[in-house]
Amino acid sequence: MLDLTYETPKPKRIAGAKDDWELVIGMEVHAQVSSSAKLFSGASTLFGAEPNSNVAFVDAAMPGMLPVINEYCIEQAVRTGLGLKAQINLKSAFDRKNYFYPDQPAGYQISQLYEPIVGEGEVLVEMGDGTARLVRVERIHMEQDAGKSIHDMDPDSSFVDLNRAGVCLMEIVSRPDIRGPEEAAAYILKLRQILRYLGTCDGDMQNGNLRADVNVSICRPGAYERYRETGDFAHLGTRCEIKNMNSTRFIQQAIEVEARRQIAIVEAGGTVDQETRGFDPVKGETRTQRSKEEAHDYRYFPDPDLLPLEIEQDWVDQIKSTLPELPDAKKARFIGDFGLTDYDASVLTADLDSAGYFEAVAAGRDGKMAANWVINELFGRLKKDDRDIEESPVTPAQLGGIVDLIASDAISGKIAKDVFEICYTTGRDPAEIVETEGMKQVTDTGAIEAAVDEIIAANPDQVAKARENPKLAGWFVGQVMKATGGKANPKAVNQIVAAKLGA
């Protein structure tokens, strides 16, 4: 089991306000489905292609073109719902959401308002202090992405790239259970981790494959608890939605800025208008984009070109049987099987590649020692070189070989660092490095005793001091290690030095 204590979310009070206020945050996360084709066409979803090169006739809304559902996208949405412990709706339907932007060629977006494919689920968010929050997921629905308007290529004209138009998105809508900027960032990171484990979204926020609309409101202390008791959103205050956030750092900044803006309005006697706002990280402010639309403003109606989507429970069960071990379960197993700390297990399960690398190193070996070498030595060096784990020049077998050499007393921990460095830069086998470079640890107690005797004989004053204060014996250990080029077995050196000085 994970060593976590679940806590009811604690409010984030705002410093500098006249009165006490609490934050309430809900998030709508748009995750691009990992699929080579779009939701209703066979056009490619490849990122970085020439503008308007990945566009089918239906994506461009050419007359007479009809959408055809991509079954794989449906499977990915179901897979995501199962990974979030959510209800899978065997019947769902697509609706038209009508709005007019240049990058929306049809004048509407195909979405799911009334009957989403996934119902209520949950995300357990770890806060890094041994506590966790449970954020409820209200629904996951599928929809088309829009294209992209480009305004910086010409001073007099704007351009439209439809490569993203029709790409399948999963909109993951949370309940307003998040209570502060740090929790919001932790929620996004945990959600991204789960999606990556599932393989349903690559979570690349820089490319816009994972982005969030953040709903922020303020309320008096105790109001959130009344909302949880009654389900009445009126207790939570008027929310404002900050659109298209693709950075956890900016999400935190935007929440702080927007909360202070709302508090200033209310404490000055005004009222907060429900609206959509954008965040300017340079100026550190949110700005009005448009008044907040309600569902009726979009004139939703069932899409006449698509029948209701009906799936079989057997198919859902088949997908469920193929789910990988998810982050929480893997972390709990690492703690239980390898004796790792909560922190080390969190680091190693942050992504699948790191977890797989560690398991290969730890197989049949001391788990704590393996974790120490993966986290401190390998990850530290990769970070220094700005490399990912899949780019590691040291294979799991090679790092496992270093751990084996330490465990067998063939080398000391200090020598192992030198072996690691040679292995990292040359790719040579650790055992071969130790053998050819003469790095094997000296375990011959006779040779070590001779070195100790020589150091003691040469330093009678230090001997007298060490016999008065045993803590000074470490000086002799250091001198012996230096004299043997760091090859002497440290445990044997300590034992012999202690025996000699105690005689």
Protein backbone atom coordinates (compact mmCIF):
# COMPACT_ATOMS: atom_id res chain seq x y z
CA MET A 1 0.00 0.00 0.00
CA LEU A 2 1.09 3.57 -0.62
CA ASP A 3 2.20 5.34 2.55
CA LEU A 4 -0.24 8.21 2.06
CA THR A 5 -2.76 9.93 4.25
CA TYR A 6 -5.85 11.14 2.39
CA GLU A 7 -6.92 14.57 3.52
CA THR A 8 -9.94 16.68 2.71
CA PRO A 9 -8.60 19.53 0.53
CA LYS A 10 -7.34 22.42 2.60
CA PRO A 11 -8.22 25.92 1.39
CA LYS A 12 -5.65 28.32 0.00
CA ARG A 13 -6.08 31.61 1.85
CA ILE A 14 -4.96 34.73 0.03
CA ALA A 15 -2.39 36.90 1.76
CA GLY A 16 -2.89 40.65 1.62
CA ALA A 17 -6.69 40.56 1.36
CA LYS A 18 -8.78 42.46 3.87
CA ASP A 19 -10.85 39.39 4.69
CA ASP A 20 -10.31 35.66 4.59
CA TRP A 21 -11.04 34.09 1.21
CA GLU A 22 -10.69 30.59 -0.16
CA LEU A 23 -10.05 29.41 -3.70
CA VAL A 24 -12.14 26.89 -5.58
CA ILE A 25 -10.75 25.55 -8.85
CA GLY A 26 -12.12 23.23 -11.50
CA MET A 27 -10.25 22.20 -14.62
CA GLU A 28 -11.20 21.19 -18.14
CA VAL A 29 -8.19 19.39 -19.59
CA HIS A 30 -8.02 18.87 -23.34
CA ALA A 31 -5.89 15.83 -24.13
CA GLN A 32 -5.09 15.00 -27.74
CA VAL A 33 -5.71 11.31 -28.36
CA SER A 34 -2.65 9.36 -29.45
CA SER A 35 -3.89 8.27 -32.86
CA SER A 36 -2.31 8.45 -36.31
CA ALA A 37 -5.64 9.56 -37.83
CA LYS A 38 -8.26 12.14 -36.91
CA LEU A 39 -11.59 11.50 -35.18
CA PHE A 40 -13.76 11.54 -38.31
CA SER A 41 -11.26 11.26 -41.17
CA GLY A 42 -8.14 9.36 -42.17
CA ALA A 43 -6.00 12.50 -42.34
CA SER A 44 -2.68 12.34 -40.51
CA THR A 45 -2.20 13.87 -37.06
CA LEU A 46 1.58 14.25 -37.49
CA PHE A 47 2.83 17.35 -35.66
CA GLY A 48 4.99 19.84 -37.53
CA ALA A 49 3.79 19.03 -41.05
CA GLU A 50 3.52 21.74 -43.69
CA PRO A 51 0.47 23.96 -43.05
CA ASN A 52 -2.76 22.55 -44.47
CA SER A 53 -1.08 19.33 -45.64
CA ASN A 54 -2.91 17.03 -43.17
CA VAL A 55 -6.44 17.95 -44.18
CA ALA A 56 -9.15 15.67 -45.56
CA PHE A 57 -12.26 17.03 -47.27
CA VAL A 58 -14.38 16.43 -44.15
CA ASP A 59 -11.86 18.35 -41.99
CA ALA A 60 -12.19 21.33 -44.33
CA ALA A 61 -16.01 21.02 -44.24
CA MET A 62 -16.37 20.55 -47.97
CA PRO A 63 -20.02 20.20 -49.08
CA GLY A 64 -21.42 16.69 -48.98
CA MET A 65 -18.61 15.24 -46.85
CA LEU A 66 -19.77 12.96 -44.01
CA PRO A 67 -17.86 12.08 -40.81
CA VAL A 68 -16.84 8.46 -40.20
CA ILE A 69 -15.93 7.55 -36.59
CA ASN A 70 -12.37 6.39 -35.96
CA GLU A 71 -12.84 3.27 -33.77
CA TYR A 72 -9.33 3.53 -32.35
CA CYS A 73 -10.10 6.99 -30.92
CA ILE A 74 -13.16 5.53 -29.19
CA GLU A 75 -10.98 2.77 -27.75
CA GLN A 76 -8.48 5.32 -26.43
CA ALA A 77 -11.25 7.28 -24.71
CA VAL A 78 -12.60 4.11 -23.09
CA ARG A 79 -9.08 3.15 -22.04
CA THR A 80 -8.62 6.56 -20.42
CA GLY A 81 -11.89 6.26 -18.55
CA LEU A 82 -10.93 2.85 -17.21
CA GLY A 83 -7.57 4.24 -16.10
CA LEU A 84 -9.38 6.94 -14.11
CA LYS A 85 -11.72 4.38 -12.50
CA ALA A 86 -14.60 5.99 -14.31
CA GLN A 87 -17.98 4.79 -15.49
CA ILE A 88 -17.98 3.80 -19.17
CA ASN A 89 -21.22 4.67 -20.89
CA LEU A 90 -22.18 1.95 -23.35
CA LYS A 91 -24.33 4.45 -25.20
CA SER A 92 -23.16 7.95 -26.03
CA ALA A 93 -23.95 10.49 -28.71
CA PHE A 94 -22.34 13.35 -30.63
CA ASP A 95 -23.74 16.88 -30.73
CA ARG A 96 -23.00 19.97 -32.76
CA LYS A 97 -21.63 22.94 -30.85
CA ASN A 98 -22.18 25.99 -33.03
CA TYR A 99 -19.74 28.88 -33.06
CA PHE A 100 -18.02 30.81 -35.79
CA TYR A 101 -14.26 31.29 -35.93
CA PRO A 102 -12.00 31.34 -38.99
CA ASP A 103 -10.20 28.18 -37.80
CA GLN A 104 -13.51 26.29 -37.48
CA PRO A 105 -14.42 25.77 -41.15
CA ALA A 106 -17.76 24.03 -40.58
CA GLY A 107 -19.03 26.74 -38.24
CA TYR A 108 -19.57 24.08 -35.60
CA GLN A 109 -17.62 21.56 -33.56
CA ILE A 110 -18.72 17.94 -33.14
CA SER A 111 -18.67 17.27 -29.39
CA GLN A 112 -20.60 15.38 -26.70
CA LEU A 113 -22.70 17.51 -24.37
CA TYR A 114 -25.66 15.42 -23.31
CA GLU A 115 -24.33 11.85 -23.48
CA PRO A 116 -20.55 11.65 -22.98
CA ILE A 117 -18.67 8.41 -23.50
CA VAL A 118 -17.18 8.43 -19.95
CA GLY A 119 -18.91 9.35 -16.70
CA GLU A 120 -17.65 9.96 -13.18
CA GLY A 121 -14.11 8.96 -12.17
CA GLU A 122 -11.32 10.13 -9.90
CA VAL A 123 -7.66 11.12 -9.71
CA LEU A 124 -5.59 10.64 -6.55
CA VAL A 125 -3.18 13.56 -6.37
CA GLU A 126 -0.09 13.25 -4.16
CA MET A 127 1.08 16.51 -2.64
CA GLY A 128 4.69 15.57 -1.87
CA ASP A 129 4.30 15.72 1.91
CA GLY A 130 2.85 12.26 2.44
CA THR A 131 -0.71 13.47 1.92
CA ALA A 132 -3.04 13.04 -1.03
CA ARG A 133 -6.15 14.72 -2.41
CA LEU A 134 -8.94 13.02 -4.32
CA VAL A 135 -10.11 15.08 -7.29
CA ARG A 136 -13.40 13.89 -8.76
CA VAL A 137 -13.73 13.69 -12.53
CA GLU A 138 -17.22 14.65 -13.68
CA ARG A 139 -16.97 13.35 -17.26
CA ILE A 140 -14.79 12.75 -20.29
CA HIS A 141 -16.21 13.60 -23.66
CA MET A 142 -14.74 13.45 -27.15
CA GLU A 143 -14.62 16.32 -29.59
CA GLN A 144 -12.85 17.71 -32.62
CA ASP A 145 -10.00 20.14 -32.26
CA ALA A 146 -10.12 23.39 -34.23
CA GLY A 147 -7.48 24.65 -36.62
CA LYS A 148 -5.01 27.39 -35.81
CA SER A 149 -5.13 31.07 -36.70
CA ILE A 150 -1.74 32.62 -37.42
CA HIS A 151 -1.38 36.38 -36.99
CA ASP A 152 2.39 37.00 -37.07
CA MET A 153 3.31 36.07 -40.67
CA ASP A 154 1.99 39.21 -42.34
CA PRO A 155 1.25 42.68 -40.94
CA ASP A 156 -1.98 42.98 -42.89
CA SER A 157 -3.33 39.42 -43.01
CA SER A 158 -4.05 36.43 -40.82
CA PHE A 159 -3.70 32.85 -42.00
CA VAL A 160 -5.39 29.61 -41.05
CA ASP A 161 -3.70 26.20 -40.70
CA LEU A 162 -6.21 23.34 -40.58
CA ASN A 163 -3.75 20.56 -39.77
CA ARG A 164 -5.20 20.27 -36.25
CA ALA A 165 -8.81 20.59 -37.40
CA GLY A 166 -10.60 17.34 -36.67
CA VAL A 167 -7.91 15.91 -34.41
CA CYS A 168 -9.53 13.91 -31.60
CA LEU A 169 -9.55 15.50 -28.17
CA MET A 170 -10.67 14.08 -24.85
CA GLU A 171 -12.01 16.80 -22.60
CA ILE A 172 -11.50 15.65 -19.01
CA VAL A 173 -13.72 17.76 -16.76
CA SER A 174 -13.04 17.82 -13.03
CA ARG A 175 -15.34 18.79 -10.22
CA PRO A 176 -14.35 22.02 -8.41
CA ASP A 177 -12.33 20.03 -5.87
CA ILE A 178 -8.96 21.76 -6.31
CA ARG A 179 -8.21 24.33 -3.62
CA GLY A 180 -4.99 26.05 -4.61
CA PRO A 181 -2.38 26.68 -7.33
CA GLU A 182 -0.05 23.92 -6.14
CA GLU A 183 -2.86 21.38 -6.15
CA ALA A 184 -3.84 22.46 -9.67
CA ALA A 185 -0.30 21.86 -10.92
CA ALA A 186 -0.09 18.52 -9.11
CA TYR A 187 -3.42 17.45 -10.63
CA ILE A 188 -2.28 18.22 -14.17
CA LEU A 189 1.01 16.37 -13.65
CA LYS A 190 -0.72 13.31 -12.20
CA LEU A 191 -3.28 13.26 -14.98
CA ARG A 192 -0.52 13.53 -17.59
CA GLN A 193 1.38 10.68 -15.91
CA ILE A 194 -1.68 8.41 -16.04
CA LEU A 195 -2.37 9.26 -19.70
CA ARG A 196 1.23 8.47 -20.62
CA TYR A 197 1.12 5.14 -18.79
CA LEU A 198 -2.08 4.30 -20.65
CA GLY A 199 -0.60 5.44 -23.95
CA THR A 200 -3.73 7.47 -24.77
CA CYS A 201 -2.04 10.90 -24.91
CA ASP A 202 1.65 11.83 -25.04
CA GLY A 203 1.02 14.75 -22.66
CA ASP A 204 3.27 17.13 -24.62
CA MET A 205 2.14 20.50 -23.28
CA GLN A 206 4.68 22.42 -25.34
CA ASN A 207 3.06 21.22 -28.58
CA GLY A 208 -0.43 21.82 -27.22
CA ASN A 209 -1.28 18.12 -26.95
CA LEU A 210 -2.31 18.70 -23.34
CA ARG A 211 -3.80 22.01 -22.34
CA ALA A 212 -6.20 23.19 -19.70
CA ASP A 213 -8.99 25.68 -19.15
CA VAL A 214 -8.89 26.69 -15.49
CA ASN A 215 -12.05 27.83 -13.71
CA VAL A 216 -11.30 30.01 -10.68
CA SER A 217 -13.69 31.41 -8.07
CA ILE A 218 -13.40 32.75 -4.54
CA CYS A 219 -15.62 32.12 -1.55
CA ARG A 220 -15.78 32.75 2.16
CA PRO A 221 -14.36 30.16 4.56
CA GLY A 222 -16.83 27.31 5.03
CA ALA A 223 -18.68 27.92 1.76
CA TYR A 224 -16.95 25.06 -0.01
CA GLU A 225 -18.05 22.63 2.70
CA ARG A 226 -21.65 23.84 2.25
CA TYR A 227 -21.34 23.21 -1.49
CA ARG A 228 -20.14 19.66 -0.83
CA GLU A 229 -23.09 19.08 1.50
CA THR A 230 -25.76 20.54 -0.77
CA GLY A 231 -24.30 20.35 -4.29
CA ASP A 232 -25.36 23.97 -4.77
CA PHE A 233 -22.75 25.85 -6.84
CA ALA A 234 -24.15 29.18 -5.62
CA HIS A 235 -21.97 28.81 -2.51
CA LEU A 236 -18.79 28.97 -4.59
CA GLY A 237 -19.01 32.43 -6.08
CA THR A 238 -18.82 33.46 -9.74
CA ARG A 239 -16.18 31.63 -11.71
CA CYS A 240 -13.95 32.92 -14.47
CA GLU A 241 -12.35 30.59 -16.99
CA ILE A 242 -8.72 31.06 -17.99
CA LYS A 243 -8.30 29.50 -21.42
CA ASN A 244 -5.66 27.36 -23.10
CA MET A 245 -3.03 27.01 -20.40
CA ASN A 246 -0.15 24.74 -21.45
CA SER A 247 2.33 25.16 -18.60
CA THR A 248 2.01 24.14 -14.95
CA ARG A 249 4.06 27.16 -13.94
CA PHE A 250 1.76 29.52 -15.81
CA ILE A 251 -1.30 27.74 -14.43
CA GLN A 252 -0.14 28.46 -10.88
CA GLN A 253 0.68 32.07 -11.69
CA ALA A 254 -2.64 32.63 -13.46
CA ILE A 255 -4.64 31.24 -10.54
CA GLU A 256 -2.86 33.53 -8.06
CA VAL A 257 -3.35 36.57 -10.30
CA GLU A 258 -7.00 35.84 -11.03
CA ALA A 259 -7.81 35.18 -7.37
CA ARG A 260 -6.31 38.51 -6.33
CA ARG A 261 -8.23 40.28 -9.11
CA GLN A 262 -11.54 38.81 -7.98
CA ILE A 263 -10.88 39.58 -4.31
CA ALA A 264 -10.02 43.19 -5.13
CA ILE A 265 -13.30 43.58 -7.06
CA VAL A 266 -15.47 42.08 -4.31
CA GLU A 267 -13.74 43.89 -1.44
CA ALA A 268 -14.24 47.16 -3.34
CA GLY A 269 -17.98 46.49 -3.43
CA GLY A 270 -18.18 45.20 -7.00
CA THR A 271 -19.26 41.89 -8.48
CA VAL A 272 -17.27 39.42 -10.53
CA ASP A 273 -18.60 38.84 -14.05
CA GLN A 274 -18.58 35.31 -15.39
CA GLU A 275 -16.32 35.43 -18.41
CA THR A 276 -13.52 33.83 -20.32
CA ARG A 277 -10.09 35.34 -19.75
CA GLY A 278 -6.58 34.89 -21.09
CA PHE A 279 -3.35 34.98 -19.09
CA ASP A 280 -0.43 37.24 -20.03
CA PRO A 281 2.66 35.80 -18.26
CA VAL A 282 4.80 38.79 -19.26
CA LYS A 283 2.53 41.37 -17.65
CA GLY A 284 1.34 38.96 -14.97
CA GLU A 285 -2.34 39.63 -15.54
CA THR A 286 -5.49 38.02 -16.89
CA ARG A 287 -7.48 39.83 -19.56
CA THR A 288 -11.07 39.61 -20.74
CA GLN A 289 -11.57 37.60 -23.94
CA ARG A 290 -15.35 37.25 -24.08
CA SER A 291 -18.36 36.98 -21.83
CA LYS A 292 -18.87 33.39 -20.68
CA GLU A 293 -21.27 31.49 -22.89
CA GLU A 294 -23.73 28.96 -21.53
CA ALA A 295 -24.74 25.77 -23.32
CA HIS A 296 -27.76 27.44 -24.95
CA ASP A 297 -25.51 30.06 -26.51
CA TYR A 298 -23.88 27.34 -28.60
CA ARG A 299 -27.28 26.03 -29.82
CA TYR A 300 -26.32 22.40 -29.22
CA PHE A 301 -28.31 19.76 -31.07
CA PRO A 302 -27.67 16.08 -31.93
CA ASP A 303 -25.39 15.71 -34.93
CA PRO A 304 -27.64 14.56 -37.79
CA ASP A 305 -24.76 12.82 -39.60
CA LEU A 306 -23.81 10.51 -36.73
CA LEU A 307 -25.92 7.80 -35.13
CA PRO A 308 -25.69 7.33 -31.34
CA LEU A 309 -22.55 5.40 -30.45
CA GLU A 310 -23.24 2.02 -28.86
CA ILE A 311 -20.44 -0.22 -27.58
CA GLU A 312 -20.50 -3.68 -26.05
CA GLN A 313 -19.53 -4.46 -22.45
CA ASP A 314 -17.39 -7.36 -23.70
CA TRP A 315 -15.32 -4.89 -25.72
CA VAL A 316 -14.90 -2.65 -22.67
CA ASP A 317 -13.82 -5.68 -20.61
CA GLN A 318 -11.32 -6.65 -23.29
CA ILE A 319 -9.79 -3.17 -23.19
CA LYS A 320 -9.69 -3.33 -19.39
CA SER A 321 -7.77 -6.60 -19.53
CA THR A 322 -4.98 -4.89 -21.49
CA LEU A 323 -4.48 -1.96 -19.09
CA PRO A 324 -0.90 -1.61 -17.85
CA GLU A 325 0.08 -1.35 -14.22
CA LEU A 326 -0.78 2.26 -13.42
CA PRO A 327 1.38 4.73 -11.46
CA ASP A 328 -0.22 4.29 -8.02
CA ALA A 329 -0.08 0.50 -8.21
CA LYS A 330 3.49 0.50 -9.52
CA LYS A 331 4.63 2.89 -6.82
CA ALA A 332 3.02 0.75 -4.10
CA ARG A 333 4.73 -2.35 -5.54
CA PHE A 334 8.14 -0.65 -5.64
CA ILE A 335 7.76 0.35 -1.99
CA GLY A 336 6.64 -3.15 -0.98
CA ASP A 337 8.93 -5.29 -3.15
CA PHE A 338 12.10 -3.21 -3.08
CA GLY A 339 11.82 -1.44 0.28
CA LEU A 340 12.00 2.02 -1.30
CA THR A 341 11.01 5.27 0.35
CA ASP A 342 7.90 7.05 -0.86
CA TYR A 343 10.09 9.73 -2.47
CA ASP A 344 12.35 7.29 -4.32
CA ALA A 345 9.38 5.29 -5.57
CA SER A 346 7.74 8.51 -6.81
CA VAL A 347 10.85 9.52 -8.74
CA LEU A 348 11.27 6.08 -10.31
CA THR A 349 7.62 5.76 -11.36
CA ALA A 350 7.37 9.28 -12.77
CA ASP A 351 7.38 7.78 -16.25
CA LEU A 352 7.30 4.30 -17.73
CA ASP A 353 10.82 4.41 -19.17
CA SER A 354 12.38 5.28 -15.82
CA ALA A 355 10.34 2.62 -14.03
CA GLY A 356 11.30 -0.01 -16.60
CA TYR A 357 14.98 0.92 -16.40
CA PHE A 358 14.98 0.65 -12.62
CA GLU A 359 13.22 -2.71 -12.60
CA ALA A 360 15.83 -4.10 -15.01
CA VAL A 361 18.65 -2.87 -12.75
CA ALA A 362 16.98 -4.09 -9.55
CA ALA A 363 16.08 -7.56 -10.84
CA GLY A 364 17.72 -10.05 -8.42
CA ARG A 365 19.63 -7.28 -6.66
CA ASP A 366 19.31 -5.04 -3.61
CA GLY A 367 16.47 -2.66 -4.52
CA LYS A 368 17.61 0.23 -2.36
CA MET A 369 21.14 0.11 -3.76
CA ALA A 370 19.78 -0.09 -7.31
CA ALA A 371 17.47 2.88 -6.68
CA ASN A 372 20.34 4.90 -5.25
CA TRP A 373 22.46 4.35 -8.34
CA VAL A 374 19.63 5.01 -10.78
CA ILE A 375 18.41 8.18 -9.04
CA ASN A 376 21.61 9.77 -7.76
CA GLU A 377 24.24 8.73 -10.27
CA LEU A 378 22.42 8.03 -13.52
CA PHE A 379 19.58 10.57 -13.31
CA GLY A 380 21.99 13.19 -11.97
CA ARG A 381 24.37 12.72 -14.88
CA LEU A 382 21.58 12.60 -17.47
CA LYS A 383 20.14 15.85 -16.12
CA LYS A 384 23.56 17.48 -16.32
CA ASP A 385 23.83 16.42 -19.97
CA ASP A 386 20.18 17.28 -20.72
CA ARG A 387 19.41 13.71 -21.76
CA ASP A 388 16.33 11.55 -21.29
CA ILE A 389 16.47 8.05 -19.81
CA GLU A 390 16.02 6.49 -23.26
CA GLU A 391 19.21 8.29 -24.34
CA SER A 392 21.27 6.85 -21.48
CA PRO A 393 24.68 5.59 -22.65
CA VAL A 394 24.69 3.21 -19.67
CA THR A 395 22.38 0.23 -20.15
CA PRO A 396 20.43 -1.34 -17.27
CA ALA A 397 22.68 -4.41 -17.57
CA GLN A 398 25.80 -2.26 -17.20
CA LEU A 399 24.48 -0.36 -14.18
CA GLY A 400 23.32 -3.65 -12.68
CA GLY A 401 26.86 -4.93 -13.23
CA ILE A 402 28.25 -2.02 -11.17
CA VAL A 403 25.80 -2.84 -8.36
CA ASP A 404 26.94 -6.49 -8.52
CA LEU A 405 30.60 -5.47 -8.24
CA ILE A 406 29.84 -3.41 -5.13
CA ALA A 407 27.75 -6.17 -3.56
CA SER A 408 30.51 -8.73 -4.09
CA ASP A 409 33.12 -6.40 -2.54
CA ALA A 410 35.00 -6.38 -5.85
CA ILE A 411 34.97 -2.57 -5.74
CA SER A 412 34.11 0.07 -3.16
CA GLY A 413 31.40 2.68 -3.59
CA LYS A 414 34.06 5.29 -4.32
CA ILE A 415 35.69 3.21 -7.02
CA ALA A 416 32.25 2.42 -8.41
CA LYS A 417 31.74 6.10 -9.19
CA ASP A 418 34.92 6.05 -11.28
CA VAL A 419 33.78 2.86 -13.03
CA PHE A 420 30.42 4.49 -13.75
CA GLU A 421 32.10 7.52 -15.28
CA ILE A 422 34.23 5.37 -17.60
CA CYS A 423 31.22 3.26 -18.53
CA TYR A 424 29.11 6.38 -19.20
CA THR A 425 31.68 7.96 -21.50
CA THR A 426 32.99 4.86 -23.29
CA GLY A 427 30.23 2.26 -23.06
CA ARG A 428 32.70 -0.36 -21.79
CA ASP A 429 31.58 -3.25 -19.60
CA PRO A 430 32.02 -2.50 -15.85
CA ALA A 431 33.69 -5.85 -15.05
CA GLU A 432 36.14 -5.36 -17.92
CA ILE A 433 36.91 -1.82 -16.73
CA VAL A 434 37.70 -3.03 -13.21
CA GLU A 435 39.93 -5.81 -14.50
CA THR A 436 41.92 -3.92 -17.13
CA GLU A 437 42.23 -0.67 -15.18
CA GLY A 438 43.41 -2.39 -12.00
CA MET A 439 40.52 -1.05 -9.96
CA LYS A 440 39.70 -4.21 -8.05
CA GLN A 441 39.24 -3.68 -4.33
CA VAL A 442 41.96 -4.92 -1.98
CA THR A 443 40.37 -7.44 0.38
CA ASP A 444 43.59 -9.12 1.53
CA THR A 445 43.57 -8.32 5.24
CA GLY A 446 47.29 -8.93 5.46
CA ALA A 447 48.03 -6.23 2.90
CA ILE A 448 45.58 -3.85 4.57
CA GLU A 449 47.07 -4.53 8.00
CA ALA A 450 50.55 -3.77 6.66
CA ALA A 451 49.34 -0.43 5.32
CA VAL A 452 47.69 0.39 8.67
CA ASP A 453 50.84 -0.48 10.58
CA GLU A 454 52.89 1.76 8.33
CA ILE A 455 50.56 4.74 8.84
CA ILE A 456 50.44 4.21 12.63
CA ALA A 457 54.22 3.94 12.89
CA ALA A 458 54.68 7.18 10.94
CA ASN A 459 52.23 9.19 13.04
CA PRO A 460 52.72 8.56 16.78
CA ASP A 461 51.24 11.93 17.79
CA GLN A 462 48.02 11.16 15.90
CA VAL A 463 47.92 7.73 17.55
CA ALA A 464 48.01 9.29 21.01
CA LYS A 465 45.21 11.73 20.12
CA ALA A 466 43.05 8.99 18.58
CA ARG A 467 43.40 6.82 21.68
CA GLU A 468 42.14 9.74 23.77
CA ASN A 469 39.37 10.56 21.27
CA PRO A 470 38.24 7.52 19.20
CA LYS A 471 36.45 9.77 16.71
CA LEU A 472 39.86 10.74 15.32
CA ALA A 473 40.37 7.18 14.08
CA GLY A 474 38.75 8.29 10.84
CA TRP A 475 41.94 10.16 9.97
CA PHE A 476 43.86 6.85 9.85
CA VAL A 477 41.14 5.27 7.69
CA GLY A 478 41.46 8.14 5.23
CA GLN A 479 45.24 7.84 5.13
CA VAL A 480 45.07 4.09 4.46
CA MET A 481 42.54 4.58 1.68
CA LYS A 482 44.75 7.25 0.16
CA ALA A 483 47.81 5.03 0.38
CA THR A 484 45.99 2.17 -1.36
CA GLY A 485 44.54 4.37 -4.07
CA GLY A 486 41.04 3.93 -2.64
CA LYS A 487 41.15 0.20 -3.38
CA ALA A 488 41.20 -1.11 0.19
CA ASN A 489 37.96 -2.54 1.51
CA PRO A 490 36.62 0.29 3.73
CA LYS A 491 34.95 -2.11 6.15
CA ALA A 492 38.17 -4.07 6.66
CA VAL A 493 40.19 -0.87 7.07
CA ASN A 494 37.83 0.42 9.76
CA GLN A 495 37.97 -2.86 11.66
CA ILE A 496 41.78 -3.12 11.56
CA VAL A 497 42.32 0.53 12.50
CA ALA A 498 39.94 0.19 15.45
CA ALA A 499 41.72 -2.95 16.63
CA LYS A 500 45.18 -1.38 16.33
CA LEU A 501 44.31 1.84 18.08
CA GLY A 502 42.49 0.04 20.83
CA ALA A 503 45.45 -2.29 21.52
